[in-house]
Amino acid sequence: MVLSSLDPYKLKYIWTISGGEIVKGQGTAVIQSTFDYNKGSLVATVEIEGLPENCQNSASEVAFIDKGPESKKINEFSLADFKLNEGKNDKLIDVLNNDPSLQLYVIFYFKNNSSQKSTDQKMRQVVNLLINKNKIGKERITKLKAFSEKRESVQFWLTPTGAMPPTPENK
């Protein structure tokens, strides 16, 4: 005996997604989708056409998305007028000193034509202020250098364990 079809009802699947996009499988029993981390959840709903009357023909499922820990930009200053002793970074220093799981990323932006000697000297000055004045361990500071067409600046990022570290932006 040969079956002409494994689907005697000729079912049709109609999917809708909230918090993402269907990338494959619309019209079939299985889909693949993207999801938007910023939404926090993904809701997939399927409506099935072709079932006998009085049968439940739709269902939804929710998936909660945990982005996990994230790096957070705390402050940004022009390198020309940067000073740690103005109290502007007290919160940063307090948070860092009270949470040993945090890593401080310091991103330096220099003009494209800056000399190696000049950039290294400015980076050392800022890091030495953090270490000497604020008693932050050198091992808790990660320096990143980038170049920019615009002004020279320094950004401070707090990065918890397990978070993706920040990357310099194209400025």
Foldseek 3Di string as FASTA:
>chain_A
DDDPDPCPQPKWKAKDKDQWAWDDDGRHPDTDIDGHVVVQKMKMKIAIPRDDPPDDGMDMDMDGDDPPFAKDWDDKDFLVPDDPPPCPCVVVLVVCVVDVQKAKEKEKEAAPPDDPVVVVVSVVVVLCCCCPVSVDDPVRYHYHYYYANDGIMMIIMIGGPPYDDDDDDHD
